[in-house]
Protein backbone atom coordinates (compact mmCIF):
# COMPACT_ATOMS: atom_id res chain seq x y z
CA MET A 1 -4.08 -13.40 15.02
CA SER A 2 -0.69 -14.07 13.50
CA PHE A 3 -0.13 -17.19 11.40
CA SER A 4 3.31 -18.21 10.37
CA VAL A 5 4.57 -19.45 7.10
CA ASP A 6 8.09 -18.53 7.92
CA VAL A 7 9.47 -21.46 9.97
CA SER A 8 11.71 -23.63 7.90
CA ASP A 9 10.64 -27.28 7.60
CA GLN A 10 13.82 -28.09 5.60
CA LYS A 11 11.81 -29.77 2.87
CA ALA A 12 12.38 -27.58 -0.17
CA HIS A 13 10.27 -29.77 -2.38
CA ARG A 14 7.30 -29.61 -0.13
CA VAL A 15 4.89 -26.64 -0.29
CA SER A 16 2.42 -27.81 2.32
CA SER A 17 3.99 -26.19 5.44
CA GLY A 18 6.50 -23.82 6.85
CA ALA A 19 8.75 -21.60 4.88
CA SER A 20 8.48 -23.89 1.85
CA MET A 21 4.79 -22.87 1.60
CA GLY A 22 5.63 -19.32 2.50
CA GLN A 23 7.55 -18.81 -0.70
CA HIS A 24 4.45 -19.38 -2.87
CA GLU A 25 1.96 -16.60 -3.37
CA GLN A 26 -1.03 -18.87 -4.23
CA GLN A 27 -0.49 -21.12 -1.25
CA VAL A 28 -0.32 -18.17 1.26
CA ALA A 29 -3.27 -16.53 -0.40
CA ALA A 30 -5.29 -19.68 -0.06
CA VAL A 31 -4.56 -19.95 3.71
CA VAL A 32 -5.49 -16.29 4.15
CA ARG A 33 -8.83 -16.82 2.40
CA ARG A 34 -9.62 -19.86 4.46
CA LEU A 35 -8.78 -18.18 7.69
CA LYS A 36 -10.86 -15.05 6.80
CA HIS A 37 -13.74 -17.38 6.10
CA ALA A 38 -13.40 -19.34 9.36
CA ILE A 39 -12.72 -16.52 11.89
CA ASN A 40 -13.82 -12.97 12.49
CA ILE A 41 -10.66 -11.43 13.94
CA PRO A 42 -7.80 -9.62 12.22
CA ILE A 43 -5.05 -11.84 10.87
CA ILE A 44 -1.41 -11.04 10.14
CA ALA A 45 0.64 -13.23 7.85
CA LYS A 46 4.15 -13.76 9.08
CA LEU A 47 6.24 -14.41 6.05
CA THR A 48 9.55 -15.97 5.12
CA PRO A 49 12.39 -14.22 3.29
CA GLU A 50 13.61 -17.54 1.95
CA GLY A 51 13.29 -17.49 -1.82
CA GLY A 52 13.78 -13.75 -2.08
CA ARG A 53 10.09 -12.96 -2.77
CA ILE A 54 8.78 -11.67 0.50
CA ALA A 55 7.26 -8.52 -1.05
CA GLN A 56 5.44 -10.43 -3.71
CA VAL A 57 4.04 -12.90 -1.17
CA ALA A 58 3.03 -10.05 1.07
CA LYS A 59 1.06 -8.52 -1.73
CA ALA A 60 -0.72 -11.80 -2.40
CA ALA A 61 -1.61 -12.11 1.29
CA MET A 62 -2.98 -8.59 1.39
CA ASP A 63 -4.92 -9.07 -1.87
CA ALA A 64 -6.44 -12.22 -0.37
CA GLY A 65 -7.72 -10.33 2.66
CA ALA A 66 -4.94 -10.32 5.24
CA ASP A 67 -5.12 -7.38 7.73
CA GLY A 68 -1.39 -7.08 7.85
CA VAL A 69 1.92 -8.80 7.10
CA SER A 70 5.01 -9.33 9.16
CA GLY A 71 8.70 -9.89 8.56
CA VAL A 72 10.55 -12.75 10.25
CA ALA A 73 12.96 -12.89 13.11
CA ASN A 74 15.27 -15.61 11.80
CA ARG A 75 17.33 -16.64 8.84
CA LEU A 76 18.50 -20.05 7.75
CA GLY A 77 22.24 -20.53 8.34
CA ILE A 78 24.89 -23.02 9.42
CA PRO A 79 25.54 -22.98 13.14
CA PRO A 80 29.09 -23.25 14.50
CA ILE A 81 30.70 -26.58 13.66
CA ASP A 82 32.88 -28.47 16.22
CA VAL A 83 35.98 -29.02 14.06
CA ARG A 84 37.19 -31.75 16.46
CA LYS A 85 33.90 -33.63 16.22
CA TYR A 86 33.30 -32.98 12.59
CA LYS A 87 31.40 -36.31 12.13
CA LYS A 88 28.67 -35.15 14.49
CA ALA A 89 25.59 -33.78 12.79
CA ILE A 90 25.72 -30.03 12.14
CA TYR A 91 22.14 -29.53 13.09
CA ASN A 92 19.88 -32.59 13.18
CA LEU A 93 16.21 -32.20 12.45
CA GLN A 94 13.81 -34.87 11.35
CA GLY A 95 16.73 -37.40 11.12
CA GLU A 96 18.96 -35.50 8.76
CA ASN A 97 21.55 -32.74 8.67
CA THR A 98 19.88 -29.38 8.12
CA MET A 99 20.53 -25.68 8.51
CA GLY A 100 19.52 -23.87 11.68
CA CYS A 101 17.27 -20.88 12.18
CA MET A 102 19.65 -18.08 13.20
CA SER A 103 18.42 -15.00 15.04
CA GLY A 104 19.69 -11.99 16.92
CA PRO A 105 21.10 -8.54 16.11
CA TRP A 106 23.15 -9.72 13.14
CA ILE A 107 19.97 -10.30 11.07
CA ARG A 108 18.68 -6.76 11.53
CA PRO A 109 19.99 -5.28 8.23
CA LEU A 110 18.30 -8.20 6.42
CA ALA A 111 15.07 -7.75 8.31
CA MET A 112 15.09 -4.09 7.55
CA ARG A 113 15.49 -5.01 3.86
CA ASP A 114 12.37 -7.25 4.15
CA VAL A 115 10.27 -4.38 5.51
CA PHE A 116 11.76 -1.91 3.00
CA GLU A 117 10.86 -4.17 0.07
CA MET A 118 7.37 -4.93 1.37
CA ARG A 119 6.57 -1.24 1.84
CA LYS A 120 7.95 -0.34 -1.63
CA LEU A 121 5.58 -2.81 -3.26
CA LEU A 122 2.53 -2.53 -0.99
CA GLY A 123 2.46 1.26 -0.74
CA PRO A 124 1.67 3.38 2.37
CA GLU A 125 -1.55 1.91 3.65
CA PRO A 126 -1.15 -1.81 4.47
CA HIS A 127 -0.04 -2.69 7.95
CA ILE A 128 3.46 -4.07 8.21
CA ASN A 129 5.08 -5.49 11.39
CA GLY A 130 8.85 -5.33 11.48
CA THR A 131 10.84 -7.83 13.46
CA GLY A 132 14.34 -9.27 13.47
CA GLY A 133 17.41 -8.30 15.48
CA ILE A 134 15.87 -5.26 17.28
CA ALA A 135 17.96 -4.72 20.40
CA SER A 136 17.52 -0.95 21.17
CA MET A 137 15.17 1.96 20.78
CA SER A 138 17.25 3.18 17.85
CA ASP A 139 16.92 -0.23 16.15
CA ALA A 140 13.13 -0.02 16.46
CA VAL A 141 13.06 3.55 15.02
CA GLN A 142 15.23 2.45 12.09
CA MET A 143 12.77 -0.38 11.40
CA MET A 144 9.92 2.10 11.36
CA MET A 145 11.89 4.35 9.01
CA CYS A 146 12.09 1.42 6.60
CA GLY A 147 8.22 1.18 6.63
CA ALA A 148 7.17 -0.78 9.69
CA ASP A 149 4.01 0.30 11.49
CA THR A 150 4.59 -1.93 14.48
CA ILE A 151 7.67 -3.68 15.97
CA GLY A 152 8.20 -7.21 17.18
CA VAL A 153 11.04 -8.03 19.60
CA CYS A 154 11.95 -11.62 20.46
CA THR A 155 15.59 -12.45 21.10
CA GLU A 156 16.09 -9.39 23.27
CA THR A 157 13.21 -10.38 25.57
CA MET A 158 14.63 -13.82 25.89
CA LEU A 159 18.02 -12.38 26.93
CA ARG A 160 16.79 -9.49 29.15
CA GLY A 161 13.17 -10.11 30.01
CA PHE A 162 10.72 -7.26 29.60
CA GLY A 163 12.41 -4.70 31.92
CA PHE A 164 14.06 -2.82 29.01
CA LEU A 165 10.70 -1.73 27.57
CA GLU A 166 10.21 1.12 30.04
CA GLU A 167 13.66 2.46 29.20
CA TRP A 168 13.01 2.19 25.47
CA MET A 169 9.64 4.03 25.75
CA THR A 170 11.33 6.83 27.82
CA ASP A 171 14.07 7.15 25.21
CA LEU A 172 11.52 7.07 22.35
CA ARG A 173 9.45 9.89 23.89
CA GLN A 174 12.61 11.95 24.28
CA TYR A 175 13.66 11.16 20.72
CA MET A 176 10.25 12.23 19.39
CA GLN A 177 10.33 15.43 21.30
CA ASP A 178 13.80 16.23 20.00
CA MET A 179 12.74 15.48 16.44
CA GLY A 180 9.40 17.25 16.64
CA PHE A 181 7.39 14.03 15.97
CA THR A 182 3.87 14.16 17.56
CA THR A 183 3.24 10.44 17.08
CA ALA A 184 5.41 7.36 16.69
CA ALA A 185 3.98 7.03 13.21
CA ARG A 186 5.88 10.20 12.24
CA CYS A 187 9.13 8.22 12.74
CA GLY A 188 8.07 6.10 9.91
CA ILE A 189 8.31 8.65 7.11
CA CYS A 190 9.54 5.87 4.95
CA CYS A 191 13.07 6.12 3.68
CA CYS A 192 12.11 4.01 0.72
CA ARG A 193 10.01 6.90 -0.59
CA ARG A 194 13.20 8.87 -1.18
CA SER A 195 15.70 6.19 -2.02
CA SER A 196 16.22 3.47 -4.59
CA ARG A 197 18.59 0.64 -5.34
CA ARG A 198 21.76 1.66 -7.09
CA ARG A 199 22.23 -0.01 -10.39
CA SER A 200 25.66 -1.07 -11.43
């Protein structure tokens, strides 16, 4: 079961729900412990990048008993503004102007960063699901190379349905054969093991 603490509720001062709660290690860990006590199936914590601490929250979730963690397929941003109707609400939610949850291929570099940072802190064993902006087989492989064990695809399925999956799988098998990979997991020889942030 996947439970989400990634959806923005736009109430930065409130830590009881959504991405506001998802930025706090203790809150997420408490939810994980309660779920593990209540149900007997694997749980994956879908985490928010808001706050810049997704790796630390992921570790707290795993330490509390989560069976895996997942990145998120959206980012907060300002949607296009109608400059001729500028008095209209930018994005109205719960009776006030807010930011919108933006998704699609443009967020992929940020989503890959999320997975990269989680893998760097968690090490090689914990299960990480990578999602966000994946629109091709190559995108999926790149996400695995950043440390993802499994891949989530959302926007692409809404745009194209599920028909592309057969093509992706065919291309993935050919890629694995060309590269000498015997399993998809071999694609995930994590680039973070051999790279680090440059320091200015």
